[in-house]
PDB file of N, CA and C in Angstrom:
ATOM      1  N   MET A   1     106.768 108.021  97.531  1.00  0.00           N
ATOM      2  CA  MET A   1     106.134 109.111  97.206  1.00  0.00           C
ATOM      3  C   MET A   1     104.620 109.550  97.815  1.00  0.00           C
ATOM      4  N   ILE A   2     104.363 110.604  98.097  1.00  0.00           N
ATOM      5  CA  ILE A   2     103.120 110.711  98.427  1.00  0.00           C
ATOM      6  C   ILE A   2     102.558 111.678  97.427  1.00  0.00           C
ATOM      7  N   GLY A   3     101.436 111.348  96.706  1.00  0.00           N
ATOM      8  CA  GLY A   3     100.749 112.184  95.867  1.00  0.00           C
ATOM      9  C   GLY A   3     100.412 111.467  94.386  1.00  0.00           C
ATOM     10  N   LEU A   4      99.165 112.094  93.831  1.00  0.00           N
ATOM     11  CA  LEU A   4      98.815 111.527  92.360  1.00  0.00           C
ATOM     12  C   LEU A   4      98.631 112.460  91.627  1.00  0.00           C
ATOM     13  N   SER A   5      99.176 111.704  90.155  1.00  0.00           N
ATOM     14  CA  SER A   5      99.260 112.648  88.959  1.00  0.00           C
ATOM     15  C   SER A   5      98.364 112.099  87.730  1.00  0.00           C
ATOM     16  N   SER A   6      99.066 112.769  86.952  1.00  0.00           N
ATOM     17  CA  SER A   6      98.076 112.473  85.420  1.00  0.00           C
ATOM     18  C   SER A   6      98.836 111.186  85.195  1.00  0.00           C
ATOM     19  N   GLN A   7     100.273 110.790  85.549  1.00  0.00           N
ATOM     20  CA  GLN A   7     100.850 109.645  84.985  1.00  0.00           C
ATOM     21  C   GLN A   7     100.274 108.544  85.460  1.00  0.00           C
ATOM     22  N   HIS A   8      99.313 108.126  86.630  1.00  0.00           N
ATOM     23  CA  HIS A   8      98.805 106.924  87.169  1.00  0.00           C
ATOM     24  C   HIS A   8      97.571 106.790  86.031  1.00  0.00           C
ATOM     25  N   LYS A   9      97.135 105.628  86.049  1.00  0.00           N
ATOM     26  CA  LYS A   9      95.840 105.232  85.256  1.00  0.00           C
ATOM     27  C   LYS A   9      94.564 105.475  86.681  1.00  0.00           C
ATOM     28  N   TYR A  10      93.434 106.082  86.251  1.00  0.00           N
ATOM     29  CA  TYR A  10      92.416 105.658  87.535  1.00  0.00           C
ATOM     30  C   TYR A  10      91.180 105.037  86.968  1.00  0.00           C
ATOM     31  N   TYR A  11      90.774 103.883  87.856  1.00  0.00           N
ATOM     32  CA  TYR A  11      89.574 103.558  87.515  1.00  0.00           C
ATOM     33  C   TYR A  11      88.357 103.728  88.752  1.00  0.00           C
ATOM     34  N   PHE A  12      87.165 103.959  88.516  1.00  0.00           N
ATOM     35  CA  PHE A  12      85.920 104.177  89.322  1.00  0.00           C
ATOM     36  C   PHE A  12      85.535 103.100  89.438  1.00  0.00           C
ATOM     37  N   TYR A  13      85.108 102.710  90.262  1.00  0.00           N
ATOM     38  CA  TYR A  13      84.191 101.472  90.934  1.00  0.00           C
ATOM     39  C   TYR A  13      83.125 102.159  90.610  1.00  0.00           C
ATOM     40  N   ASN A  14      81.905 101.785  89.477  1.00  0.00           N
ATOM     41  CA  ASN A  14      80.782 102.183  89.581  1.00  0.00           C
ATOM     42  C   ASN A  14      79.371 101.335  90.164  1.00  0.00           C
ATOM     43  N   GLU A  15      79.868 100.935  91.282  1.00  0.00           N
ATOM     44  CA  GLU A  15      78.481 100.847  92.543  1.00  0.00           C
ATOM     45  C   GLU A  15      79.423 101.157  93.591  1.00  0.00           C
ATOM     46  N   THR A  16      78.065 101.423  94.044  1.00  0.00           N
ATOM     47  CA  THR A  16      78.169 102.120  96.060  1.00  0.00           C
ATOM     48  C   THR A  16      79.608 100.936  96.535  1.00  0.00           C
ATOM     49  N   CYS A  17      79.956 101.581  97.636  1.00  0.00           N
ATOM     50  CA  CYS A  17      80.792 100.823  98.292  1.00  0.00           C
ATOM     51  C   CYS A  17      81.017 100.617 100.110  1.00  0.00           C
ATOM     52  N   ASP A  18      80.967 100.278 100.436  1.00  0.00           N
ATOM     53  CA  ASP A  18      81.048 100.258 102.165  1.00  0.00           C
ATOM     54  C   ASP A  18      82.167 100.954 102.703  1.00  0.00           C
ATOM     55  N   MET A  19      82.120 102.172 102.683  1.00  0.00           N
ATOM     56  CA  MET A  19      83.586 102.710 103.586  1.00  0.00           C
ATOM     57  C   MET A  19      84.007 102.222 104.561  1.00  0.00           C
ATOM     58  N   ARG A  20      83.445 101.262 105.331  1.00  0.00           N
ATOM     59  CA  ARG A  20      84.367 100.532 106.641  1.00  0.00           C
ATOM     60  C   ARG A  20      84.921  99.386 106.005  1.00  0.00           C
ATOM     61  N   LYS A  21      85.021  99.642 104.774  1.00  0.00           N
ATOM     62  CA  LYS A  21      86.700  98.499 104.225  1.00  0.00           C
ATOM     63  C   LYS A  21      87.519  99.349 104.091  1.00  0.00           C
ATOM     64  N   GLY A  22      88.843  98.711 104.127  1.00  0.00           N
ATOM     65  CA  GLY A  22      89.862  99.009 104.445  1.00  0.00           C
ATOM     66  C   GLY A  22      91.059  98.756 103.179  1.00  0.00           C
ATOM     67  N   PHE A  23      92.280  98.375 103.452  1.00  0.00           N
ATOM     68  CA  PHE A  23      92.968  97.994 102.213  1.00  0.00           C
ATOM     69  C   PHE A  23      92.753  96.633 101.669  1.00  0.00           C
ATOM     70  N   ASN A  24      92.313  95.882 102.967  1.00  0.00           N
ATOM     71  CA  ASN A  24      92.170  94.657 102.254  1.00  0.00           C
ATOM     72  C   ASN A  24      90.552  93.964 101.571  1.00  0.00           C
ATOM     73  N   GLY A  25      89.985  94.799 102.091  1.00  0.00           N
ATOM     74  CA  GLY A  25      88.648  94.628 101.397  1.00  0.00           C
ATOM     75  C   GLY A  25      88.206  95.373 100.276  1.00  0.00           C
ATOM     76  N   LEU A  26      89.077  96.733  99.817  1.00  0.00           N
ATOM     77  CA  LEU A  26      88.912  97.566  98.716  1.00  0.00           C
ATOM     78  C   LEU A  26      89.776  96.648  98.052  1.00  0.00           C
ATOM     79  N   SER A  27      91.111  96.138  98.128  1.00  0.00           N
ATOM     80  CA  SER A  27      91.979  95.571  97.187  1.00  0.00           C
ATOM     81  C   SER A  27      91.141  93.919  96.558  1.00  0.00           C
ATOM     82  N   GLY A  28      89.954  93.476  97.727  1.00  0.00           N
ATOM     83  CA  GLY A  28      89.761  92.322  97.228  1.00  0.00           C
ATOM     84  C   GLY A  28      88.214  92.792  96.408  1.00  0.00           C
ATOM     85  N   ILE A  29      87.877  94.123  96.496  1.00  0.00           N
ATOM     86  CA  ILE A  29      86.765  93.941  95.278  1.00  0.00           C
ATOM     87  C   ILE A  29      87.588  94.426  93.947  1.00  0.00           C
ATOM     88  N   VAL A  30      88.767  95.088  94.117  1.00  0.00           N
ATOM     89  CA  VAL A  30      89.090  95.065  93.072  1.00  0.00           C
ATOM     90  C   VAL A  30      90.038  94.031  92.041  1.00  0.00           C
ATOM     91  N   THR A  31      90.123  93.097  93.082  1.00  0.00           N
ATOM     92  CA  THR A  31      90.322  91.248  92.184  1.00  0.00           C
ATOM     93  C   THR A  31      88.970  90.764  91.738  1.00  0.00           C
ATOM     94  N   ASN A  32      88.048  90.596  93.256  1.00  0.00           N
ATOM     95  CA  ASN A  32      87.368  90.142  92.414  1.00  0.00           C
ATOM     96  C   ASN A  32      86.200  90.400  92.133  1.00  0.00           C
ATOM     97  N   LEU A  33      85.857  91.650  92.050  1.00  0.00           N
ATOM     98  CA  LEU A  33      84.761  92.689  91.404  1.00  0.00           C
ATOM     99  C   LEU A  33      85.040  92.983  90.124  1.00  0.00           C
ATOM    100  N   MET A  34      86.186  93.720  90.372  1.00  0.00           N
ATOM    101  CA  MET A  34      86.742  94.623  89.075  1.00  0.00           C
ATOM    102  C   MET A  34      87.550  93.947  88.051  1.00  0.00           C
ATOM    103  N   GLY A  35      87.905  92.931  88.738  1.00  0.00           N
ATOM    104  CA  GLY A  35      88.891  91.489  87.587  1.00  0.00           C
ATOM    105  C   GLY A  35      90.048  92.419  87.400  1.00  0.00           C
ATOM    106  N   MET A  36      90.610  93.177  88.087  1.00  0.00           N
ATOM    107  CA  MET A  36      91.890  93.725  87.590  1.00  0.00           C
ATOM    108  C   MET A  36      92.915  93.648  89.255  1.00  0.00           C
ATOM    109  N   ASN A  37      94.783  93.949  89.154  1.00  0.00           N
ATOM    110  CA  ASN A  37      95.456  93.278  89.938  1.00  0.00           C
ATOM    111  C   ASN A  37      95.827  95.143  90.418  1.00  0.00           C
ATOM    112  N   PRO A  38      95.257  95.000  91.950  1.00  0.00           N
ATOM    113  CA  PRO A  38      95.209  96.090  92.915  1.00  0.00           C
ATOM    114  C   PRO A  38      97.055  95.980  93.298  1.00  0.00           C
ATOM    115  N   LEU A  39      97.783  95.472  92.809  1.00  0.00           N
ATOM    116  CA  LEU A  39      99.208  96.047  92.720  1.00  0.00           C
ATOM    117  C   LEU A  39     100.254  96.364  91.351  1.00  0.00           C
ATOM    118  N   ASP A  40      98.904  96.733  90.701  1.00  0.00           N
ATOM    119  CA  ASP A  40      99.610  97.352  88.935  1.00  0.00           C
ATOM    120  C   ASP A  40     100.183  98.891  89.636  1.00  0.00           C
ATOM    121  N   GLY A  41      99.768  99.396  90.218  1.00  0.00           N
ATOM    122  CA  GLY A  41     100.368 101.254  90.212  1.00  0.00           C
ATOM    123  C   GLY A  41      98.845 102.014  89.882  1.00  0.00           C
ATOM    124  N   SER A  42      97.746 101.277  89.729  1.00  0.00           N
ATOM    125  CA  SER A  42      96.917 102.068  89.519  1.00  0.00           C
ATOM    126  C   SER A  42      96.113 102.640  90.559  1.00  0.00           C
ATOM    127  N   VAL A  43      95.163 103.649  90.177  1.00  0.00           N
ATOM    128  CA  VAL A  43      93.998 104.059  90.939  1.00  0.00           C
ATOM    129  C   VAL A  43      93.258 104.197  90.952  1.00  0.00           C
ATOM    130  N   TYR A  44      92.071 103.314  92.146  1.00  0.00           N
ATOM    131  CA  TYR A  44      91.013 102.517  92.244  1.00  0.00           C
ATOM    132  C   TYR A  44      90.370 103.609  93.080  1.00  0.00           C
ATOM    133  N   VAL A  45      89.227 103.966  92.687  1.00  0.00           N
ATOM    134  CA  VAL A  45      88.045 104.720  93.144  1.00  0.00           C
ATOM    135  C   VAL A  45      87.030 104.358  93.579  1.00  0.00           C
ATOM    136  N   PHE A  46      86.257 104.899  95.312  1.00  0.00           N
ATOM    137  CA  PHE A  46      85.154 104.115  95.270  1.00  0.00           C
ATOM    138  C   PHE A  46      85.054 105.480  96.483  1.00  0.00           C
ATOM    139  N   ILE A  47      83.023 105.044  95.428  1.00  0.00           N
ATOM    140  CA  ILE A  47      82.572 106.048  96.669  1.00  0.00           C
ATOM    141  C   ILE A  47      81.136 105.312  97.513  1.00  0.00           C
ATOM    142  N   ASN A  48      80.816 105.948  98.349  1.00  0.00           N
ATOM    143  CA  ASN A  48      79.171 105.154  99.312  1.00  0.00           C
ATOM    144  C   ASN A  48      78.154 105.534  98.574  1.00  0.00           C
ATOM    145  N   ARG A  49      77.192 105.459  99.324  1.00  0.00           N
ATOM    146  CA  ARG A  49      76.201 105.272  98.732  1.00  0.00           C
ATOM    147  C   ARG A  49      75.518 106.298  98.830  1.00  0.00           C
ATOM    148  N   GLY A  50      75.740 107.135  99.550  1.00  0.00           N
ATOM    149  CA  GLY A  50      74.936 108.913  99.931  1.00  0.00           C
ATOM    150  C   GLY A  50      75.832 109.753  99.209  1.00  0.00           C
ATOM    151  N   ARG A  51      77.153 108.875  98.187  1.00  0.00           N
ATOM    152  CA  ARG A  51      77.953 109.935  97.490  1.00  0.00           C
ATOM    153  C   ARG A  51      78.644 111.019  98.471  1.00  0.00           C
ATOM    154  N   ASN A  52      78.819 110.814  99.429  1.00  0.00           N
ATOM    155  CA  ASN A  52      79.812 111.832 100.197  1.00  0.00           C
ATOM    156  C   ASN A  52      80.833 111.622 100.306  1.00  0.00           C
ATOM    157  N   ARG A  53      81.748 110.671 100.608  1.00  0.00           N
ATOM    158  CA  ARG A  53      82.626 110.025 100.892  1.00  0.00           C
ATOM    159  C   ARG A  53      83.328 109.158  99.788  1.00  0.00           C
ATOM    160  N   MET A  54      84.306 109.208  99.427  1.00  0.00           N
ATOM    161  CA  MET A  54      85.439 108.948  98.776  1.00  0.00           C
ATOM    162  C   MET A  54      86.427 108.466  99.041  1.00  0.00           C
ATOM    163  N   LYS A  55      86.933 107.019  98.838  1.00  0.00           N
ATOM    164  CA  LYS A  55      88.512 106.698  99.056  1.00  0.00           C
ATOM    165  C   LYS A  55      88.805 105.744  97.629  1.00  0.00           C
ATOM    166  N   MET A  56      90.142 106.385  97.770  1.00  0.00           N
ATOM    167  CA  MET A  56      91.554 105.963  96.714  1.00  0.00           C
ATOM    168  C   MET A  56      92.171 105.089  97.030  1.00  0.00           C
ATOM    169  N   LEU A  57      92.684 103.643  96.466  1.00  0.00           N
ATOM    170  CA  LEU A  57      93.406 103.318  96.606  1.00  0.00           C
ATOM    171  C   LEU A  57      94.366 102.639  95.650  1.00  0.00           C
ATOM    172  N   VAL A  58      96.268 102.848  96.324  1.00  0.00           N
ATOM    173  CA  VAL A  58      96.956 102.857  95.092  1.00  0.00           C
ATOM    174  C   VAL A  58      98.230 102.127  95.562  1.00  0.00           C
ATOM    175  N   TYR A  59      98.550 101.476  94.793  1.00  0.00           N
ATOM    176  CA  TYR A  59      99.734 100.580  95.556  1.00  0.00           C
ATOM    177  C   TYR A  59     101.012 101.141  95.105  1.00  0.00           C
ATOM    178  N   GLU A  60     101.996 101.774  96.127  1.00  0.00           N
ATOM    179  CA  GLU A  60     103.652 102.591  95.819  1.00  0.00           C
ATOM    180  C   GLU A  60     104.197 101.267  96.165  1.00  0.00           C
ATOM    181  N   GLN A  61     105.603 101.623  96.157  1.00  0.00           N
ATOM    182  CA  GLN A  61     106.940 101.046  95.865  1.00  0.00           C
ATOM    183  C   GLN A  61     106.281 100.779  97.464  1.00  0.00           C
ATOM    184  N   GLY A  62     106.309  99.609  97.983  1.00  0.00           N
ATOM    185  CA  GLY A  62     106.452  99.154  99.829  1.00  0.00           C
ATOM    186  C   GLY A  62     105.022  98.979 100.073  1.00  0.00           C
ATOM    187  N   GLY A  63     103.952  99.419  99.612  1.00  0.00           N
ATOM    188  CA  GLY A  63     102.495  99.519 100.360  1.00  0.00           C
ATOM    189  C   GLY A  63     101.281  99.801  99.256  1.00  0.00           C
ATOM    190  N   PHE A  64     100.509  99.832 100.621  1.00  0.00           N
ATOM    191  CA  PHE A  64      99.197 100.323  99.329  1.00  0.00           C
ATOM    192  C   PHE A  64      99.189 101.606 100.789  1.00  0.00           C
ATOM    193  N   MET A  65      98.572 102.687  99.599  1.00  0.00           N
ATOM    194  CA  MET A  65      98.246 103.869 100.260  1.00  0.00           C
ATOM    195  C   MET A  65      96.823 103.959 100.110  1.00  0.00           C
ATOM    196  N   LEU A  66      96.263 104.735 101.097  1.00  0.00           N
ATOM    197  CA  LEU A  66      94.263 105.004 101.198  1.00  0.00           C
ATOM    198  C   LEU A  66      94.527 106.578 101.198  1.00  0.00           C
ATOM    199  N   TYR A  67      94.058 107.031 100.316  1.00  0.00           N
ATOM    200  CA  TYR A  67      93.273 108.325 100.146  1.00  0.00           C
ATOM    201  C   TYR A  67      92.197 108.147 100.793  1.00  0.00           C
ATOM    202  N   TYR A  68      91.261 109.454 101.754  1.00  0.00           N
ATOM    203  CA  TYR A  68      89.947 109.504 101.668  1.00  0.00           C
ATOM    204  C   TYR A  68      89.530 111.062 101.761  1.00  0.00           C
ATOM    205  N   LYS A  69      87.867 111.352 101.358  1.00  0.00           N
ATOM    206  CA  LYS A  69      87.733 112.451 101.165  1.00  0.00           C
ATOM    207  C   LYS A  69      86.148 112.253 102.035  1.00  0.00           C
ATOM    208  N   ARG A  70      85.932 112.803 102.290  1.00  0.00           N
ATOM    209  CA  ARG A  70      84.756 113.152 102.951  1.00  0.00           C
ATOM    210  C   ARG A  70      84.040 114.336 103.291  1.00  0.00           C
ATOM    211  N   LEU A  71      83.009 114.741 102.111  1.00  0.00           N
ATOM    212  CA  LEU A  71      82.191 116.030 102.186  1.00  0.00           C
ATOM    213  C   LEU A  71      81.655 116.517 103.633  1.00  0.00           C
ATOM    214  N   GLU A  72      81.652 117.563 104.038  1.00  0.00           N
ATOM    215  CA  GLU A  72      81.080 118.401 104.339  1.00  0.00           C
ATOM    216  C   GLU A  72      79.558 118.764 103.838  1.00  0.00           C
ATOM    217  N   ARG A  73      79.582 119.043 102.800  1.00  0.00           N
ATOM    218  CA  ARG A  73      78.185 118.957 102.667  1.00  0.00           C
ATOM    219  C   ARG A  73      78.336 118.947 101.106  1.00  0.00           C
ATOM    220  N   GLY A  74      77.201 118.160 100.065  1.00  0.00           N
ATOM    221  CA  GLY A  74      76.960 118.046  98.848  1.00  0.00           C
ATOM    222  C   GLY A  74      77.777 116.691  98.885  1.00  0.00           C
ATOM    223  N   TYR A  75      77.415 116.250  97.265  1.00  0.00           N
ATOM    224  CA  TYR A  75      77.696 114.963  96.977  1.00  0.00           C
ATOM    225  C   TYR A  75      78.560 114.741  95.727  1.00  0.00           C
ATOM    226  N   PHE A  76      79.305 113.607  95.696  1.00  0.00           N
ATOM    227  CA  PHE A  76      80.555 113.226  93.977  1.00  0.00           C
ATOM    228  C   PHE A  76      79.063 112.890  92.802  1.00  0.00           C
ATOM    229  N   GLU A  77      79.613 113.605  92.217  1.00  0.00           N
ATOM    230  CA  GLU A  77      79.008 113.125  90.309  1.00  0.00           C
ATOM    231  C   GLU A  77      78.668 111.918  90.343  1.00  0.00           C
ATOM    232  N   GLN A  78      77.700 110.951  90.575  1.00  0.00           N
ATOM    233  CA  GLN A  78      77.671 109.443  89.750  1.00  0.00           C
ATOM    234  C   GLN A  78      78.675 109.203  88.212  1.00  0.00           C
ATOM    235  N   ILE A  79      79.896 108.307  87.905  1.00  0.00           N
ATOM    236  CA  ILE A  79      79.713 108.460  86.546  1.00  0.00           C
ATOM    237  C   ILE A  79      79.192 107.887  85.865  1.00  0.00           C
ATOM    238  N   THR A  80      78.688 107.464  85.435  1.00  0.00           N
ATOM    239  CA  THR A  80      77.837 106.065  84.688  1.00  0.00           C
ATOM    240  C   THR A  80      78.600 105.839  83.228  1.00  0.00           C
ATOM    241  N   SER A  81      78.496 104.430  83.405  1.00  0.00           N
ATOM    242  CA  SER A  81      78.899 103.651  81.695  1.00  0.00           C
ATOM    243  C   SER A  81      78.035 102.810  81.276  1.00  0.00           C
ATOM    244  N   LYS A  82      78.331 102.496  80.502  1.00  0.00           N
ATOM    245  CA  LYS A  82      77.549 101.147  79.714  1.00  0.00           C
ATOM    246  C   LYS A  82      77.991 100.417  80.548  1.00  0.00           C
ATOM    247  N   ASN A  83      79.017 100.164  81.104  1.00  0.00           N
ATOM    248  CA  ASN A  83      79.737  99.018  81.202  1.00  0.00           C
ATOM    249  C   ASN A  83      79.612  99.014  82.889  1.00  0.00           C
ATOM    250  N   SER A  84      78.824  98.013  83.692  1.00  0.00           N
ATOM    251  CA  SER A  84      78.846  97.893  84.668  1.00  0.00           C
ATOM    252  C   SER A  84      80.137  97.615  85.601  1.00  0.00           C
ATOM    253  N   GLY A  85      80.625  98.074  86.486  1.00  0.00           N
ATOM    254  CA  GLY A  85      81.590  97.592  87.961  1.00  0.00           C
ATOM    255  C   GLY A  85      82.837  98.672  87.838  1.00  0.00           C
ATOM    256  N   THR A  86      83.323  98.810  86.351  1.00  0.00           N
ATOM    257  CA  THR A  86      84.114  99.506  86.394  1.00  0.00           C
ATOM    258  C   THR A  86      84.498 100.481  85.218  1.00  0.00           C
ATOM    259  N   VAL A  87      84.552 102.157  85.188  1.00  0.00           N
ATOM    260  CA  VAL A  87      85.059 103.013  84.309  1.00  0.00           C
ATOM    261  C   VAL A  87      86.273 103.424  84.487  1.00  0.00           C
ATOM    262  N   ARG A  88      87.315 103.731  83.610  1.00  0.00           N
ATOM    263  CA  ARG A  88      88.277 104.499  83.356  1.00  0.00           C
ATOM    264  C   ARG A  88      88.039 105.690  83.159  1.00  0.00           C
ATOM    265  N   ILE A  89      88.939 106.675  84.116  1.00  0.00           N
ATOM    266  CA  ILE A  89      88.390 108.167  84.010  1.00  0.00           C
ATOM    267  C   ILE A  89      90.402 108.558  84.062  1.00  0.00           C
ATOM    268  N   THR A  90      90.198 109.559  83.176  1.00  0.00           N
ATOM    269  CA  THR A  90      91.147 110.343  83.604  1.00  0.00           C
ATOM    270  C   THR A  90      91.772 111.213  85.072  1.00  0.00           C
ATOM    271  N   TRP A  91      92.649 112.010  84.989  1.00  0.00           N
ATOM    272  CA  TRP A  91      93.396 112.828  86.090  1.00  0.00           C
ATOM    273  C   TRP A  91      92.404 113.636  86.380  1.00  0.00           C
ATOM    274  N   GLU A  92      92.066 114.197  84.689  1.00  0.00           N
ATOM    275  CA  GLU A  92      90.841 115.644  85.044  1.00  0.00           C
ATOM    276  C   GLU A  92      89.922 115.247  85.290  1.00  0.00           C
ATOM    277  N   ASP A  93      89.582 114.146  85.154  1.00  0.00           N
ATOM    278  CA  ASP A  93      88.216 113.579  85.587  1.00  0.00           C
ATOM    279  C   ASP A  93      88.327 113.438  87.147  1.00  0.00           C
ATOM    280  N   LEU A  94      88.906 113.071  87.786  1.00  0.00           N
ATOM    281  CA  LEU A  94      88.928 112.703  88.880  1.00  0.00           C
ATOM    282  C   LEU A  94      89.178 113.676  89.698  1.00  0.00           C
ATOM    283  N   VAL A  95      89.902 115.162  89.302  1.00  0.00           N
ATOM    284  CA  VAL A  95      89.714 116.852  90.016  1.00  0.00           C
ATOM    285  C   VAL A  95      88.939 117.350  89.461  1.00  0.00           C
ATOM    286  N   LEU A  96      87.871 117.373  88.599  1.00  0.00           N
ATOM    287  CA  LEU A  96      87.069 117.660  88.377  1.00  0.00           C
ATOM    288  C   LEU A  96      85.417 116.964  89.486  1.00  0.00           C
ATOM    289  N   LEU A  97      85.330 115.941  89.718  1.00  0.00           N
ATOM    290  CA  LEU A  97      85.091 114.974  90.650  1.00  0.00           C
ATOM    291  C   LEU A  97      85.316 115.312  91.806  1.00  0.00           C
ATOM    292  N   ILE A  98      86.262 115.477  92.479  1.00  0.00           N
ATOM    293  CA  ILE A  98      86.445 116.015  93.663  1.00  0.00           C
ATOM    294  C   ILE A  98      86.291 117.357  93.973  1.00  0.00           C
ATOM    295  N   GLN A  99      86.134 118.463  92.699  1.00  0.00           N
ATOM    296  CA  GLN A  99      85.850 119.694  92.952  1.00  0.00           C
ATOM    297  C   GLN A  99      84.630 120.025  92.900  1.00  0.00           C
ATOM    298  N   GLY A 100      83.760 119.103  92.491  1.00  0.00           N
ATOM    299  CA  GLY A 100      82.455 118.919  91.705  1.00  0.00           C
ATOM    300  C   GLY A 100      81.791 119.977  91.037  1.00  0.00           C
ATOM    301  N   ILE A 101      82.398 119.585  89.727  1.00  0.00           N
ATOM    302  CA  ILE A 101      82.359 120.139  88.309  1.00  0.00           C
ATOM    303  C   ILE A 101      81.554 119.136  87.973  1.00  0.00           C
ATOM    304  N   LYS A 102      80.600 119.568  87.064  1.00  0.00           N
ATOM    305  CA  LYS A 102      80.018 118.595  86.254  1.00  0.00           C
ATOM    306  C   LYS A 102      80.593 118.441  85.170  1.00  0.00           C
ATOM    307  N   ARG A 103      80.758 117.164  84.860  1.00  0.00           N
ATOM    308  CA  ARG A 103      81.858 116.600  83.491  1.00  0.00           C
ATOM    309  C   ARG A 103      80.803 117.028  82.485  1.00  0.00           C
ATOM    310  N   LYS A 104      79.469 116.746  82.809  1.00  0.00           N
ATOM    311  CA  LYS A 104      78.881 116.918  81.760  1.00  0.00           C
ATOM    312  C   LYS A 104      78.886 118.392  80.786  1.00  0.00           C
ATOM    313  N   GLU A 105      78.830 119.532  81.719  1.00  0.00           N
ATOM    314  CA  GLU A 105      78.905 120.599  80.905  1.00  0.00           C
ATOM    315  C   GLU A 105      80.260 121.406  80.893  1.00  0.00           C
ATOM    316  N   ILE A 106      81.757 120.776  81.009  1.00  0.00           N
ATOM    317  CA  ILE A 106      82.656 120.909  80.385  1.00  0.00           C
ATOM    318  C   ILE A 106      83.052 120.597  78.819  1.00  0.00           C
ATOM    319  N   LYS A 107      83.472 121.353  78.111  1.00  0.00           N
ATOM    320  CA  LYS A 107      83.704 121.616  76.497  1.00  0.00           C
ATOM    321  C   LYS A 107      85.491 121.159  76.913  1.00  0.00           C
ATOM    322  N   ARG A 108      85.468 120.473  76.486  1.00  0.00           N
ATOM    323  CA  ARG A 108      87.187 119.606  76.078  1.00  0.00           C
ATOM    324  C   ARG A 108      87.674 120.391  74.033  1.00  0.00           C
ATOM    325  N   LEU A 109      88.712 121.106  74.521  1.00  0.00           N
ATOM    326  CA  LEU A 109      89.363 120.938  73.284  1.00  0.00           C
ATOM    327  C   LEU A 109      89.992 120.822  73.149  1.00  0.00           C
ATOM    328  N   LYS A 110      90.663 120.372  71.649  1.00  0.00           N
ATOM    329  CA  LYS A 110      91.422 119.097  71.200  1.00  0.00           C
ATOM    330  C   LYS A 110      92.806 119.426  71.440  1.00  0.00           C
ATOM    331  N   ARG A 111      93.623 118.538  72.279  1.00  0.00           N
ATOM    332  CA  ARG A 111      95.253 118.443  72.262  1.00  0.00           C
ATOM    333  C   ARG A 111      95.762 117.471  71.900  1.00  0.00           C
ATOM    334  N   TYR A 112      97.008 117.352  71.864  1.00  0.00           N
ATOM    335  CA  TYR A 112      97.509 116.542  71.238  1.00  0.00           C
ATOM    336  C   TYR A 112      97.923 115.164  72.313  1.00  0.00           C
ATOM    337  N   GLN A 113      98.026 114.040  72.134  1.00  0.00           N
ATOM    338  CA  GLN A 113      98.069 112.918  72.717  1.00  0.00           C
ATOM    339  C   GLN A 113      98.678 112.154  72.046  1.00  0.00           C
ATOM    340  N   ARG A 114     100.088 111.417  72.943  1.00  0.00           N
ATOM    341  CA  ARG A 114     100.428 110.113  72.303  1.00  0.00           C
ATOM    342  C   ARG A 114      99.688 109.157  72.133  1.00  0.00           C
ATOM    343  N   ALA A 115      99.879 108.214  70.740  1.00  0.00           N
ATOM    344  CA  ALA A 115      99.484 107.160  71.005  1.00  0.00           C
ATOM    345  C   ALA A 115     100.217 105.822  71.983  1.00  0.00           C
TER     346      ALA A 115
END
């Protein structure tokens, strides 16, 4: 199936990434630098130094899928955290990141969440 949804887990690699990397290079970053398993079905998000290119790596049944976005103008917001390397983000955070909306200027209303 082609497509991402709120049912996936999303992990943002908090360092810059060489966009020449393909499936093997990005899965190597997930394994060696992020300390995670690239085969677990989570989506791993990478951004280049200029913050105008993004790649998302996800393993689906039968193999890896690679999504690639290049901005013609502007840049992606840098997601920062106290932890260097990996930041867990939500589906909503990813959509805001792709659409160019600053997350800190958004006020979230309370919603029910399953434990």
